[in-house]
C-alpha atoms as a PDB file:
ATOM      1  CA  MET A   1      -8.163 -19.811   1.534  1.00  0.00           C
ATOM      2  CA  GLY A   2      -5.125 -17.999   3.367  1.00  0.00           C
ATOM      3  CA  THR A   3      -5.123 -14.845   4.903  1.00  0.00           C
ATOM      4  CA  LYS A   4      -4.128 -11.298   4.122  1.00  0.00           C
ATOM      5  CA  LEU A   5      -1.260  -9.120   5.767  1.00  0.00           C
ATOM      6  CA  TYR A   6      -0.252  -5.670   5.021  1.00  0.00           C
ATOM      7  CA  ILE A   7       3.515  -5.504   5.168  1.00  0.00           C
ATOM      8  CA  GLY A   8       4.198  -1.640   5.545  1.00  0.00           C
ATOM      9  CA  ASN A   9       7.849   0.618   6.036  1.00  0.00           C
ATOM     10  CA  LEU A  10       9.445  -1.953   3.905  1.00  0.00           C
ATOM     11  CA  SER A  11      13.180  -0.740   1.798  1.00  0.00           C
ATOM     12  CA  PHE A  12      12.396   0.814  -1.842  1.00  0.00           C
ATOM     13  CA  ASN A  13      15.237  -1.495  -2.984  1.00  0.00           C
ATOM     14  CA  THR A  14      12.734  -4.810  -1.279  1.00  0.00           C
ATOM     15  CA  THR A  15      11.401  -7.136  -4.137  1.00  0.00           C
ATOM     16  CA  GLU A  16       8.986 -10.030  -4.047  1.00  0.00           C
ATOM     17  CA  ASN A  17      11.664 -12.786  -4.033  1.00  0.00           C
ATOM     18  CA  GLU A  18      13.221 -11.575  -0.877  1.00  0.00           C
ATOM     19  CA  LEU A  19       9.485 -11.282   1.049  1.00  0.00           C
ATOM     20  CA  GLN A  20       8.535 -14.891   0.174  1.00  0.00           C
ATOM     21  CA  GLU A  21      11.777 -15.668   0.942  1.00  0.00           C
ATOM     22  CA  LEU A  22      11.688 -13.772   4.512  1.00  0.00           C
ATOM     23  CA  PHE A  23       7.771 -14.838   5.459  1.00  0.00           C
ATOM     24  CA  SER A  24       8.694 -18.404   4.199  1.00  0.00           C
ATOM     25  CA  GLN A  25      10.399 -18.476   7.558  1.00  0.00           C
ATOM     26  CA  ALA A  26       6.427 -18.134   8.880  1.00  0.00           C
ATOM     27  CA  GLY A  27       4.583 -20.818   7.071  1.00  0.00           C
ATOM     28  CA  THR A  28       3.035 -21.209   3.465  1.00  0.00           C
ATOM     29  CA  VAL A  29       3.512 -18.259   1.586  1.00  0.00           C
ATOM     30  CA  GLN A  30       0.721 -18.215  -1.320  1.00  0.00           C
ATOM     31  CA  GLU A  31       0.970 -14.626  -2.847  1.00  0.00           C
ATOM     32  CA  VAL A  32       3.432 -11.883  -2.630  1.00  0.00           C
ATOM     33  CA  THR A  33       1.780  -8.366  -3.665  1.00  0.00           C
ATOM     34  CA  LEU A  34       4.832  -5.763  -3.880  1.00  0.00           C
ATOM     35  CA  MET A  35       3.032  -2.481  -4.996  1.00  0.00           C
ATOM     36  CA  GLN A  36       4.413  -0.263  -7.447  1.00  0.00           C
ATOM     37  CA  ASP A  37       3.622   3.585  -8.625  1.00  0.00           C
ATOM     38  CA  LYS A  38       2.178   3.100 -11.957  1.00  0.00           C
ATOM     39  CA  PHE A  39       3.587   5.616 -13.355  1.00  0.00           C
ATOM     40  CA  THR A  40       7.452   5.083 -12.182  1.00  0.00           C
ATOM     41  CA  GLY A  41       7.038   0.868 -11.540  1.00  0.00           C
ATOM     42  CA  LYS A  42       9.251   2.038  -8.313  1.00  0.00           C
ATOM     43  CA  SER A  43       8.031   0.057  -4.948  1.00  0.00           C
ATOM     44  CA  ARG A  44       5.637   1.907  -2.748  1.00  0.00           C
ATOM     45  CA  GLY A  45       7.301   0.730   0.016  1.00  0.00           C
ATOM     46  CA  PHE A  46       4.683  -1.744   1.418  1.00  0.00           C
ATOM     47  CA  ALA A  47       3.347  -5.159  -0.216  1.00  0.00           C
ATOM     48  CA  PHE A  48       0.423  -7.211   0.481  1.00  0.00           C
ATOM     49  CA  ILE A  49       1.139 -11.490   1.290  1.00  0.00           C
ATOM     50  CA  THR A  50      -1.275 -13.827   1.617  1.00  0.00           C
ATOM     51  CA  MET A  51      -0.521 -16.644   4.218  1.00  0.00           C
ATOM     52  CA  GLY A  52      -1.787 -20.058   3.609  1.00  0.00           C
ATOM     53  CA  SER A  53      -3.186 -20.627   7.241  1.00  0.00           C
ATOM     54  CA  GLU A  54      -4.809 -18.304   9.934  1.00  0.00           C
ATOM     55  CA  GLU A  55      -2.275 -19.581  11.710  1.00  0.00           C
ATOM     56  CA  ASP A  56       0.355 -19.174   9.523  1.00  0.00           C
ATOM     57  CA  ALA A  57      -0.541 -15.205   9.035  1.00  0.00           C
ATOM     58  CA  GLN A  58      -0.327 -14.993  13.436  1.00  0.00           C
ATOM     59  CA  ASN A  59       3.105 -16.017  13.214  1.00  0.00           C
ATOM     60  CA  ALA A  60       4.235 -13.928  10.174  1.00  0.00           C
ATOM     61  CA  ILE A  61       2.835 -10.565  12.535  1.00  0.00           C
ATOM     62  CA  SER A  62       3.964 -12.146  15.664  1.00  0.00           C
ATOM     63  CA  LYS A  63       7.733 -13.063  13.942  1.00  0.00           C
ATOM     64  CA  PHE A  64       7.914  -9.439  11.714  1.00  0.00           C
ATOM     65  CA  ASN A  65       6.306  -6.847  13.542  1.00  0.00           C
ATOM     66  CA  GLY A  66       8.537  -4.522  14.551  1.00  0.00           C
ATOM     67  CA  GLN A  67      11.494  -6.343  13.060  1.00  0.00           C
ATOM     68  CA  THR A  68      14.210  -3.852  11.355  1.00  0.00           C
ATOM     69  CA  ILE A  69      14.701  -5.117   7.725  1.00  0.00           C
ATOM     70  CA  GLU A  70      17.375  -3.073   6.273  1.00  0.00           C
ATOM     71  CA  GLY A  71      17.295  -0.522   8.806  1.00  0.00           C
ATOM     72  CA  ARG A  72      13.362  -0.084   8.450  1.00  0.00           C
ATOM     73  CA  PRO A  73      11.186  -1.314  11.422  1.00  0.00           C
ATOM     74  CA  LEU A  74       8.261  -3.308   9.439  1.00  0.00           C
ATOM     75  CA  THR A  75       4.522  -2.521   9.866  1.00  0.00           C
ATOM     76  CA  VAL A  76       3.133  -6.420   9.909  1.00  0.00           C
ATOM     77  CA  ASN A  77      -0.531  -6.521  10.568  1.00  0.00           C
ATOM     78  CA  GLU A  78      -4.051  -8.558   9.070  1.00  0.00           C
ATOM     79  CA  ALA A  79      -5.331  -6.195   5.917  1.00  0.00           C
ATOM     80  CA  ARG A  80      -8.392  -4.287   6.063  1.00  0.00           C
ATOM     81  CA  PRO A  81     -10.910  -5.137   3.593  1.00  0.00           C
ATOM     82  CA  ARG A  82     -10.071  -3.487   0.351  1.00  0.00           C
ATOM     83  CA  GLU A  83     -12.334   0.158   0.905  1.00  0.00           C
ATOM     84  CA  PRO A  84     -15.248   0.868  -2.446  1.00  0.00           C
ATOM     85  CA  ARG A  85     -14.183   4.036  -4.264  1.00  0.00           C
ATOM     86  CA  PRO A  86     -16.137   6.307  -6.559  1.00  0.00           C
ATOM     87  CA  PRO A  87     -15.901   5.372 -10.278  1.00  0.00           C
ATOM     88  CA  GLY A  88     -14.262   7.595 -12.371  1.00  0.00           C
ATOM     89  CA  GLY A  89     -11.211   7.958 -10.815  1.00  0.00           C
ATOM     90  CA  GLY A  90     -10.287  10.646  -8.352  1.00  0.00           C
ATOM     91  CA  GLY A  91      -9.553  13.846 -10.715  1.00  0.00           C
ATOM     92  CA  ARG A  92     -10.004  17.526  -9.347  1.00  0.00           C
ATOM     93  CA  GLY A  93     -13.430  19.071  -9.957  1.00  0.00           C
ATOM     94  CA  TYR A  94     -14.881  21.520 -11.063  1.00  0.00           C
ATOM     95  CA  GLY A  95     -14.586  25.103 -10.161  1.00  0.00           C
ATOM     96  CA  GLY A  96     -11.042  24.728  -7.727  1.00  0.00           C
ATOM     97  CA  GLY A  97      -7.698  25.644  -7.616  1.00  0.00           C
ATOM     98  CA  GLY A  98      -6.814  28.170 -10.977  1.00  0.00           C
ATOM     99  CA  TYR A  99      -9.214  25.156 -13.210  1.00  0.00           C
ATOM    100  CA  GLY A 100     -11.855  27.652 -14.833  1.00  0.00           C
ATOM    101  CA  GLY A 101     -14.346  28.289 -11.478  1.00  0.00           C
ATOM    102  CA  ARG A 102     -15.193  31.093 -10.599  1.00  0.00           C
ATOM    103  CA  ARG A 103     -13.306  34.389  -8.566  1.00  0.00           C
ATOM    104  CA  GLU A 104     -13.906  34.877  -5.143  1.00  0.00           C
ATOM    105  CA  GLY A 105     -14.740  38.459  -4.456  1.00  0.00           C
ATOM    106  CA  GLY A 106     -13.740  41.964  -6.339  1.00  0.00           C
ATOM    107  CA  GLN A 107     -15.084  43.250  -9.073  1.00  0.00           C
ATOM    108  CA  ARG A 108     -15.216  41.896 -12.629  1.00  0.00           C
ATOM    109  CA  ARG A 109     -13.637  43.944 -15.122  1.00  0.00           C
ATOM    110  CA  GLY A 110     -14.684  44.304 -18.455  1.00  0.00           C
ATOM    111  CA  TYR A 111     -12.572  42.802 -21.278  1.00  0.00           C
END
């Protein structure tokens, strides 16, 4: 199993193919996942790349972390495990932000 890297501060014009080509200079690239906005389909400016080995991953980190690509210094490090999230999405809770919650203070007027 390969080592997954986080690549941050990417130009929004960067493609998966460009990342594949660039990171293959450091070793075997198993997978490239460019994160995209689910509504617009545009790049979110970061990606995950799975390198073939720990050695390839460390080589990629030392070679590309801080290197300027398209005018932006890349952030390259080992990806942290995904944190568990509660099921059901992240919508607003009840009672806040003008969505039918109770008002604080003041007298209620008879309508």
